[in-house]
PDB file of N, CA and C in Angstrom:
ATOM      1  N   MET A   1       6.275   1.977  -8.691  1.00  0.00           N
ATOM      2  CA  MET A   1       7.012   1.325  -7.975  1.00  0.00           C
ATOM      3  C   MET A   1       8.546   1.520  -8.271  1.00  0.00           C
ATOM      4  N   ARG A   2       8.880   2.016  -9.414  1.00  0.00           N
ATOM      5  CA  ARG A   2      10.113   2.238  -9.785  1.00  0.00           C
ATOM      6  C   ARG A   2      10.692   3.450  -9.042  1.00  0.00           C
ATOM      7  N   ALA A   3       9.972   4.560  -8.691  1.00  0.00           N
ATOM      8  CA  ALA A   3      10.021   5.916  -7.949  1.00  0.00           C
ATOM      9  C   ALA A   3      10.396   5.467  -6.492  1.00  0.00           C
ATOM     10  N   PHE A   4       9.715   4.433  -6.027  1.00  0.00           N
ATOM     11  CA  PHE A   4       9.974   3.846  -4.427  1.00  0.00           C
ATOM     12  C   PHE A   4      11.342   3.280  -4.465  1.00  0.00           C
ATOM     13  N   THR A   5      11.574   2.510  -5.500  1.00  0.00           N
ATOM     14  CA  THR A   5      13.135   1.975  -5.542  1.00  0.00           C
ATOM     15  C   THR A   5      14.136   3.171  -5.506  1.00  0.00           C
ATOM     16  N   TYR A   6      13.977   3.793  -6.395  1.00  0.00           N
ATOM     17  CA  TYR A   6      15.061   4.983  -6.395  1.00  0.00           C
ATOM     18  C   TYR A   6      14.986   5.947  -5.071  1.00  0.00           C
ATOM     19  N   LEU A   7      13.783   5.973  -4.588  1.00  0.00           N
ATOM     20  CA  LEU A   7      13.984   6.673  -3.130  1.00  0.00           C
ATOM     21  C   LEU A   7      14.454   5.882  -2.383  1.00  0.00           C
ATOM     22  N   LEU A   8      14.343   4.692  -2.293  1.00  0.00           N
ATOM     23  CA  LEU A   8      15.003   3.649  -0.880  1.00  0.00           C
ATOM     24  C   LEU A   8      16.471   3.583  -1.310  1.00  0.00           C
ATOM     25  N   THR A   9      16.849   3.540  -2.625  1.00  0.00           N
ATOM     26  CA  THR A   9      18.183   3.412  -3.079  1.00  0.00           C
ATOM     27  C   THR A   9      18.832   4.897  -2.730  1.00  0.00           C
ATOM     28  N   GLY A  10      18.392   6.055  -2.601  1.00  0.00           N
ATOM     29  CA  GLY A  10      18.956   7.414  -2.447  1.00  0.00           C
ATOM     30  C   GLY A  10      18.962   7.355  -0.931  1.00  0.00           C
ATOM     31  N   LEU A  11      17.965   7.105  -0.260  1.00  0.00           N
ATOM     32  CA  LEU A  11      18.086   6.925   1.380  1.00  0.00           C
ATOM     33  C   LEU A  11      19.297   6.009   1.774  1.00  0.00           C
ATOM     34  N   GLY A  12      19.261   5.095   1.212  1.00  0.00           N
ATOM     35  CA  GLY A  12      20.495   3.893   1.654  1.00  0.00           C
ATOM     36  C   GLY A  12      21.966   4.759   1.253  1.00  0.00           C
ATOM     37  N   ALA A  13      21.906   5.382   0.027  1.00  0.00           N
ATOM     38  CA  ALA A  13      23.289   6.154  -0.137  1.00  0.00           C
ATOM     39  C   ALA A  13      23.365   7.443   0.781  1.00  0.00           C
ATOM     40  N   GLY A  14      22.602   7.821   1.304  1.00  0.00           N
ATOM     41  CA  GLY A  14      22.431   9.090   2.073  1.00  0.00           C
ATOM     42  C   GLY A  14      22.987   8.541   3.385  1.00  0.00           C
ATOM     43  N   ILE A  15      22.520   7.468   3.913  1.00  0.00           N
ATOM     44  CA  ILE A  15      23.081   6.848   5.089  1.00  0.00           C
ATOM     45  C   ILE A  15      24.149   6.620   5.185  1.00  0.00           C
ATOM     46  N   LEU A  16      24.821   5.936   3.902  1.00  0.00           N
ATOM     47  CA  LEU A  16      26.025   5.429   3.996  1.00  0.00           C
ATOM     48  C   LEU A  16      27.093   6.500   3.885  1.00  0.00           C
ATOM     49  N   ILE A  17      26.774   7.561   3.280  1.00  0.00           N
ATOM     50  CA  ILE A  17      27.802   8.757   2.951  1.00  0.00           C
ATOM     51  C   ILE A  17      27.723   9.498   4.378  1.00  0.00           C
ATOM     52  N   GLY A  18      26.674   9.588   5.140  1.00  0.00           N
ATOM     53  CA  GLY A  18      26.363  10.346   6.253  1.00  0.00           C
ATOM     54  C   GLY A  18      27.148   9.380   7.317  1.00  0.00           C
ATOM     55  N   GLY A  19      27.304   8.435   7.093  1.00  0.00           N
ATOM     56  CA  GLY A  19      28.137   7.383   8.205  1.00  0.00           C
ATOM     57  C   GLY A  19      29.393   7.408   8.144  1.00  0.00           C
ATOM     58  N   LEU A  20      29.738   7.798   6.692  1.00  0.00           N
ATOM     59  CA  LEU A  20      31.495   7.842   6.332  1.00  0.00           C
ATOM     60  C   LEU A  20      31.847   9.351   6.896  1.00  0.00           C
ATOM     61  N   PHE A  21      31.202  10.285   6.940  1.00  0.00           N
ATOM     62  CA  PHE A  21      31.532  11.546   7.401  1.00  0.00           C
ATOM     63  C   PHE A  21      30.947  11.854   8.650  1.00  0.00           C
ATOM     64  N   ALA A  22      30.517  10.906   9.557  1.00  0.00           N
ATOM     65  CA  ALA A  22      29.868  11.361  10.789  1.00  0.00           C
ATOM     66  C   ALA A  22      30.797  12.093  11.828  1.00  0.00           C
ATOM     67  N   PRO A  23      30.277  12.986  12.579  1.00  0.00           N
ATOM     68  CA  PRO A  23      31.282  13.546  13.625  1.00  0.00           C
ATOM     69  C   PRO A  23      31.433  12.707  14.729  1.00  0.00           C
ATOM     70  N   ARG A  24      30.593  11.600  15.111  1.00  0.00           N
ATOM     71  CA  ARG A  24      30.655  10.603  16.316  1.00  0.00           C
ATOM     72  C   ARG A  24      31.669   9.611  16.127  1.00  0.00           C
ATOM     73  N   ALA A  25      31.982   9.191  17.189  1.00  0.00           N
ATOM     74  CA  ALA A  25      32.785   7.928  17.087  1.00  0.00           C
ATOM     75  C   ALA A  25      32.262   6.872  16.436  1.00  0.00           C
ATOM     76  N   GLY A  26      32.972   5.802  16.217  1.00  0.00           N
ATOM     77  CA  GLY A  26      32.685   4.616  15.440  1.00  0.00           C
ATOM     78  C   GLY A  26      31.248   3.892  16.091  1.00  0.00           C
ATOM     79  N   ASP A  27      31.686   3.781  17.292  1.00  0.00           N
ATOM     80  CA  ASP A  27      30.491   2.981  18.178  1.00  0.00           C
ATOM     81  C   ASP A  27      28.990   3.820  18.378  1.00  0.00           C
ATOM     82  N   ALA A  28      29.493   4.954  18.712  1.00  0.00           N
ATOM     83  CA  ALA A  28      28.050   5.821  18.696  1.00  0.00           C
ATOM     84  C   ALA A  28      27.577   6.064  17.549  1.00  0.00           C
ATOM     85  N   SER A  29      28.245   6.055  16.308  1.00  0.00           N
ATOM     86  CA  SER A  29      27.631   6.224  15.110  1.00  0.00           C
ATOM     87  C   SER A  29      26.866   4.843  14.494  1.00  0.00           C
ATOM     88  N   ARG A  30      27.592   3.663  14.845  1.00  0.00           N
ATOM     89  CA  ARG A  30      26.629   2.374  14.671  1.00  0.00           C
ATOM     90  C   ARG A  30      25.370   2.379  15.414  1.00  0.00           C
ATOM     91  N   LYS A  31      25.461   2.837  16.776  1.00  0.00           N
ATOM     92  CA  LYS A  31      24.249   2.806  17.661  1.00  0.00           C
ATOM     93  C   LYS A  31      23.171   3.544  17.181  1.00  0.00           C
ATOM     94  N   LEU A  32      23.868   4.758  16.723  1.00  0.00           N
ATOM     95  CA  LEU A  32      22.739   6.073  15.955  1.00  0.00           C
ATOM     96  C   LEU A  32      21.855   5.218  14.630  1.00  0.00           C
ATOM     97  N   LEU A  33      23.021   4.605  14.078  1.00  0.00           N
ATOM     98  CA  LEU A  33      22.589   4.101  12.562  1.00  0.00           C
ATOM     99  C   LEU A  33      21.747   2.715  12.932  1.00  0.00           C
ATOM    100  N   ALA A  34      21.967   2.050  13.895  1.00  0.00           N
ATOM    101  CA  ALA A  34      21.127   0.879  14.171  1.00  0.00           C
ATOM    102  C   ALA A  34      19.707   1.536  14.818  1.00  0.00           C
ATOM    103  N   ARG A  35      19.836   2.441  15.610  1.00  0.00           N
ATOM    104  CA  ARG A  35      18.256   2.822  15.918  1.00  0.00           C
ATOM    105  C   ARG A  35      17.425   3.563  14.859  1.00  0.00           C
ATOM    106  N   ARG A  36      18.435   4.079  13.927  1.00  0.00           N
ATOM    107  CA  ARG A  36      17.603   4.863  12.496  1.00  0.00           C
ATOM    108  C   ARG A  36      17.061   3.848  11.752  1.00  0.00           C
ATOM    109  N   ALA A  37      17.836   2.732  11.637  1.00  0.00           N
ATOM    110  CA  ALA A  37      17.396   1.555  10.850  1.00  0.00           C
ATOM    111  C   ALA A  37      16.013   0.782  11.332  1.00  0.00           C
ATOM    112  N   GLN A  38      16.089   0.617  12.781  1.00  0.00           N
ATOM    113  CA  GLN A  38      15.029   0.215  13.219  1.00  0.00           C
ATOM    114  C   GLN A  38      13.788   1.038  13.038  1.00  0.00           C
ATOM    115  N   LYS A  39      14.111   2.185  13.145  1.00  0.00           N
ATOM    116  CA  LYS A  39      12.743   3.114  13.020  1.00  0.00           C
ATOM    117  C   LYS A  39      12.267   3.085  11.510  1.00  0.00           C
ATOM    118  N   MET A  40      13.403   3.153  10.569  1.00  0.00           N
ATOM    119  CA  MET A  40      12.821   2.974   9.271  1.00  0.00           C
ATOM    120  C   MET A  40      12.142   1.895   8.864  1.00  0.00           C
ATOM    121  N   LYS A  41      12.713   0.558   9.645  1.00  0.00           N
ATOM    122  CA  LYS A  41      12.010  -0.604   9.412  1.00  0.00           C
ATOM    123  C   LYS A  41      10.762  -0.806   9.885  1.00  0.00           C
ATOM    124  N   LYS A  42      10.141   0.098  11.139  1.00  0.00           N
ATOM    125  CA  LYS A  42       9.065  -0.163  11.493  1.00  0.00           C
ATOM    126  C   LYS A  42       8.186   0.754  10.734  1.00  0.00           C
ATOM    127  N   THR A  43       8.624   1.993  10.213  1.00  0.00           N
ATOM    128  CA  THR A  43       7.770   2.847   9.543  1.00  0.00           C
ATOM    129  C   THR A  43       7.391   2.003   8.067  1.00  0.00           C
ATOM    130  N   ALA A  44       8.333   1.446   7.402  1.00  0.00           N
ATOM    131  CA  ALA A  44       8.309   0.443   6.148  1.00  0.00           C
ATOM    132  C   ALA A  44       7.232  -0.378   6.373  1.00  0.00           C
ATOM    133  N   THR A  45       7.420  -1.300   7.573  1.00  0.00           N
ATOM    134  CA  THR A  45       6.565  -2.369   7.839  1.00  0.00           C
ATOM    135  C   THR A  45       5.024  -1.708   8.092  1.00  0.00           C
ATOM    136  N   ARG A  46       4.922  -0.421   8.741  1.00  0.00           N
ATOM    137  CA  ARG A  46       3.662   0.035   8.909  1.00  0.00           C
ATOM    138  C   ARG A  46       3.101   0.466   7.764  1.00  0.00           C
ATOM    139  N   ALA A  47       3.791   0.974   6.819  1.00  0.00           N
ATOM    140  CA  ALA A  47       3.215   1.640   5.354  1.00  0.00           C
ATOM    141  C   ALA A  47       2.728   0.369   4.544  1.00  0.00           C
ATOM    142  N   VAL A  48       3.400  -0.878   4.603  1.00  0.00           N
ATOM    143  CA  VAL A  48       3.199  -1.972   4.047  1.00  0.00           C
ATOM    144  C   VAL A  48       1.924  -2.582   4.421  1.00  0.00           C
ATOM    145  N   THR A  49       1.812  -2.643   5.755  1.00  0.00           N
ATOM    146  CA  THR A  49       0.519  -3.188   6.589  1.00  0.00           C
ATOM    147  C   THR A  49      -0.735  -2.156   6.230  1.00  0.00           C
ATOM    148  N   ASP A  50      -0.471  -0.895   6.100  1.00  0.00           N
ATOM    149  CA  ASP A  50      -1.602  -0.144   5.942  1.00  0.00           C
ATOM    150  C   ASP A  50      -1.938  -0.180   4.384  1.00  0.00           C
ATOM    151  N   GLY A  51      -1.031  -0.326   3.521  1.00  0.00           N
ATOM    152  CA  GLY A  51      -1.324  -0.330   1.982  1.00  0.00           C
ATOM    153  C   GLY A  51      -2.079  -1.857   1.764  1.00  0.00           C
ATOM    154  N   THR A  52      -1.901  -2.835   2.459  1.00  0.00           N
ATOM    155  CA  THR A  52      -2.219  -4.175   2.203  1.00  0.00           C
ATOM    156  C   THR A  52      -3.663  -3.773   2.860  1.00  0.00           C
ATOM    157  N   ARG A  53      -3.959  -3.177   3.923  1.00  0.00           N
ATOM    158  CA  ARG A  53      -5.355  -3.054   4.723  1.00  0.00           C
ATOM    159  C   ARG A  53      -6.213  -2.394   3.371  1.00  0.00           C
ATOM    160  N   TYR A  54      -5.650  -1.365   2.968  1.00  0.00           N
ATOM    161  CA  TYR A  54      -6.290  -0.437   2.030  1.00  0.00           C
ATOM    162  C   TYR A  54      -6.800  -1.338   0.749  1.00  0.00           C
ATOM    163  N   VAL A  55      -5.656  -2.077   0.263  1.00  0.00           N
ATOM    164  CA  VAL A  55      -6.132  -2.731  -0.913  1.00  0.00           C
ATOM    165  C   VAL A  55      -7.139  -3.811  -0.515  1.00  0.00           C
ATOM    166  N   SER A  56      -7.158  -4.516   0.583  1.00  0.00           N
ATOM    167  CA  SER A  56      -8.183  -5.745   0.991  1.00  0.00           C
ATOM    168  C   SER A  56      -9.343  -5.033   1.140  1.00  0.00           C
ATOM    169  N   ARG A  57      -9.520  -3.753   1.771  1.00  0.00           N
ATOM    170  CA  ARG A  57     -10.808  -3.123   2.084  1.00  0.00           C
ATOM    171  C   ARG A  57     -11.310  -2.635   0.723  1.00  0.00           C
ATOM    172  N   SER A  58     -10.767  -2.001  -0.236  1.00  0.00           N
ATOM    173  CA  SER A  58     -11.174  -1.901  -1.485  1.00  0.00           C
ATOM    174  C   SER A  58     -11.697  -2.772  -2.281  1.00  0.00           C
ATOM    175  N   SER A  59     -11.115  -3.962  -2.094  1.00  0.00           N
ATOM    176  CA  SER A  59     -11.572  -5.185  -2.870  1.00  0.00           C
ATOM    177  C   SER A  59     -12.624  -5.509  -2.211  1.00  0.00           C
ATOM    178  N   ALA A  60     -12.894  -5.726  -0.958  1.00  0.00           N
ATOM    179  CA  ALA A  60     -14.206  -6.134  -0.635  1.00  0.00           C
ATOM    180  C   ALA A  60     -15.293  -4.935  -0.752  1.00  0.00           C
ATOM    181  N   LYS A  61     -14.980  -3.786  -0.670  1.00  0.00           N
ATOM    182  CA  LYS A  61     -15.982  -2.863  -1.249  1.00  0.00           C
ATOM    183  C   LYS A  61     -16.326  -2.750  -2.774  1.00  0.00           C
ATOM    184  N   MET A  62     -15.340  -3.006  -3.541  1.00  0.00           N
ATOM    185  CA  MET A  62     -15.561  -3.492  -5.045  1.00  0.00           C
ATOM    186  C   MET A  62     -16.521  -4.581  -5.012  1.00  0.00           C
ATOM    187  N   ARG A  63     -16.123  -5.837  -4.286  1.00  0.00           N
ATOM    188  CA  ARG A  63     -16.909  -6.951  -4.543  1.00  0.00           C
ATOM    189  C   ARG A  63     -18.288  -6.675  -4.125  1.00  0.00           C
ATOM    190  N   ASP A  64     -18.559  -5.865  -2.954  1.00  0.00           N
ATOM    191  CA  ASP A  64     -19.928  -5.685  -2.713  1.00  0.00           C
ATOM    192  C   ASP A  64     -20.844  -4.758  -3.643  1.00  0.00           C
ATOM    193  N   GLN A  65     -19.965  -3.525  -4.381  1.00  0.00           N
ATOM    194  CA  GLN A  65     -20.397  -2.883  -5.140  1.00  0.00           C
ATOM    195  C   GLN A  65     -20.949  -3.639  -6.506  1.00  0.00           C
ATOM    196  N   ALA A  66     -20.111  -4.636  -6.869  1.00  0.00           N
ATOM    197  CA  ALA A  66     -20.262  -5.352  -7.858  1.00  0.00           C
ATOM    198  C   ALA A  66     -21.525  -6.304  -7.843  1.00  0.00           C
ATOM    199  N   GLY A  67     -21.585  -6.845  -6.394  1.00  0.00           N
ATOM    200  CA  GLY A  67     -22.888  -7.816  -6.165  1.00  0.00           C
ATOM    201  C   GLY A  67     -24.131  -6.843  -6.393  1.00  0.00           C
ATOM    202  N   GLU A  68     -24.017  -5.609  -5.800  1.00  0.00           N
ATOM    203  CA  GLU A  68     -25.403  -4.806  -5.899  1.00  0.00           C
ATOM    204  C   GLU A  68     -25.587  -4.641  -7.324  1.00  0.00           C
ATOM    205  N   LEU A  69     -24.536  -4.211  -8.292  1.00  0.00           N
ATOM    206  CA  LEU A  69     -24.854  -3.995  -9.495  1.00  0.00           C
ATOM    207  C   LEU A  69     -25.137  -5.292 -10.412  1.00  0.00           C
ATOM    208  N   LEU A  70     -24.814  -6.326 -10.082  1.00  0.00           N
ATOM    209  CA  LEU A  70     -25.234  -7.696 -10.359  1.00  0.00           C
ATOM    210  C   LEU A  70     -26.649  -8.070 -10.144  1.00  0.00           C
ATOM    211  N   ASP A  71     -27.332  -7.766  -8.858  1.00  0.00           N
ATOM    212  CA  ASP A  71     -28.478  -7.628  -8.233  1.00  0.00           C
ATOM    213  C   ASP A  71     -29.586  -6.775  -9.227  1.00  0.00           C
ATOM    214  N   ARG A  72     -28.859  -5.497  -9.395  1.00  0.00           N
ATOM    215  CA  ARG A  72     -29.774  -4.496  -9.932  1.00  0.00           C
ATOM    216  C   ARG A  72     -30.142  -4.942 -11.560  1.00  0.00           C
ATOM    217  N   GLY A  73     -28.674  -5.516 -12.000  1.00  0.00           N
ATOM    218  CA  GLY A  73     -28.863  -6.131 -13.549  1.00  0.00           C
ATOM    219  C   GLY A  73     -30.084  -7.283 -13.655  1.00  0.00           C
ATOM    220  N   LYS A  74     -29.984  -8.041 -12.699  1.00  0.00           N
ATOM    221  CA  LYS A  74     -30.879  -9.117 -12.629  1.00  0.00           C
ATOM    222  C   LYS A  74     -32.310  -8.713 -12.472  1.00  0.00           C
ATOM    223  N   ILE A  75     -32.778  -7.630 -11.776  1.00  0.00           N
ATOM    224  CA  ILE A  75     -34.134  -7.114 -11.734  1.00  0.00           C
ATOM    225  C   ILE A  75     -34.575  -6.525 -12.984  1.00  0.00           C
ATOM    226  N   VAL A  76     -33.462  -5.613 -13.455  1.00  0.00           N
ATOM    227  CA  VAL A  76     -33.750  -5.060 -14.899  1.00  0.00           C
ATOM    228  C   VAL A  76     -34.133  -6.067 -15.740  1.00  0.00           C
ATOM    229  N   TYR A  77     -33.276  -7.211 -15.818  1.00  0.00           N
ATOM    230  CA  TYR A  77     -33.524  -8.318 -16.985  1.00  0.00           C
ATOM    231  C   TYR A  77     -34.797  -8.853 -16.706  1.00  0.00           C
ATOM    232  N   ARG A  78     -35.178  -8.982 -15.587  1.00  0.00           N
ATOM    233  CA  ARG A  78     -36.689  -9.794 -15.630  1.00  0.00           C
ATOM    234  C   ARG A  78     -37.634  -8.986 -15.753  1.00  0.00           C
ATOM    235  N   ALA A  79     -37.592  -7.650 -15.572  1.00  0.00           N
ATOM    236  CA  ALA A  79     -38.526  -6.752 -15.647  1.00  0.00           C
ATOM    237  C   ALA A  79     -38.664  -6.481 -17.237  1.00  0.00           C
ATOM    238  N   ALA A  80     -37.638  -6.400 -17.754  1.00  0.00           N
ATOM    239  CA  ALA A  80     -37.520  -6.614 -19.497  1.00  0.00           C
ATOM    240  C   ALA A  80     -38.277  -7.713 -20.045  1.00  0.00           C
ATOM    241  N   GLY A  81     -37.713  -8.900 -19.330  1.00  0.00           N
ATOM    242  CA  GLY A  81     -38.334  -9.908 -20.244  1.00  0.00           C
ATOM    243  C   GLY A  81     -39.818  -9.840 -19.822  1.00  0.00           C
ATOM    244  N   LYS A  82     -40.645  -9.458 -18.676  1.00  0.00           N
ATOM    245  CA  LYS A  82     -41.985  -9.327 -18.484  1.00  0.00           C
ATOM    246  C   LYS A  82     -42.632  -8.532 -19.578  1.00  0.00           C
ATOM    247  N   LEU A  83     -41.828  -7.593 -19.745  1.00  0.00           N
ATOM    248  CA  LEU A  83     -42.293  -6.322 -20.883  1.00  0.00           C
ATOM    249  C   LEU A  83     -42.459  -7.109 -22.076  1.00  0.00           C
ATOM    250  N   VAL A  84     -41.385  -7.936 -22.435  1.00  0.00           N
ATOM    251  CA  VAL A  84     -41.396  -8.641 -23.956  1.00  0.00           C
ATOM    252  C   VAL A  84     -42.619  -9.509 -23.933  1.00  0.00           C
ATOM    253  N   HIS A  85     -42.899 -10.325 -23.031  1.00  0.00           N
ATOM    254  CA  HIS A  85     -43.821 -11.274 -23.051  1.00  0.00           C
ATOM    255  C   HIS A  85     -45.282 -10.745 -22.926  1.00  0.00           C
ATOM    256  N   ALA A  86     -45.127  -9.608 -22.453  1.00  0.00           N
ATOM    257  CA  ALA A  86     -46.572  -8.623 -22.291  1.00  0.00           C
ATOM    258  C   ALA A  86     -46.779  -8.250 -23.780  1.00  0.00           C
ATOM    259  N   LEU A  87     -45.942  -7.958 -24.424  1.00  0.00           N
ATOM    260  CA  LEU A  87     -46.297  -7.552 -25.897  1.00  0.00           C
ATOM    261  C   LEU A  87     -46.505  -8.557 -26.856  1.00  0.00           C
TER     262      LEU A  87
END
């Protein structure tokens, strides 16, 4: 998470410095920066959405696997109980 924060800080600083030394006029630079900011916002939103989906799918898959393991454990427990009573 810390590395991601550094990345975003570096991107922001790069955009700011690039804006200060831009070869375009102020209005054109602002429009360009606004378009790029919107594009970055969409990309970040998409990344967060994809990450959230991945985590929720992983969680559901893990719950399913845990349920299967629990069922197997119950079967083994019952079988062991029958063996103990048979002895």
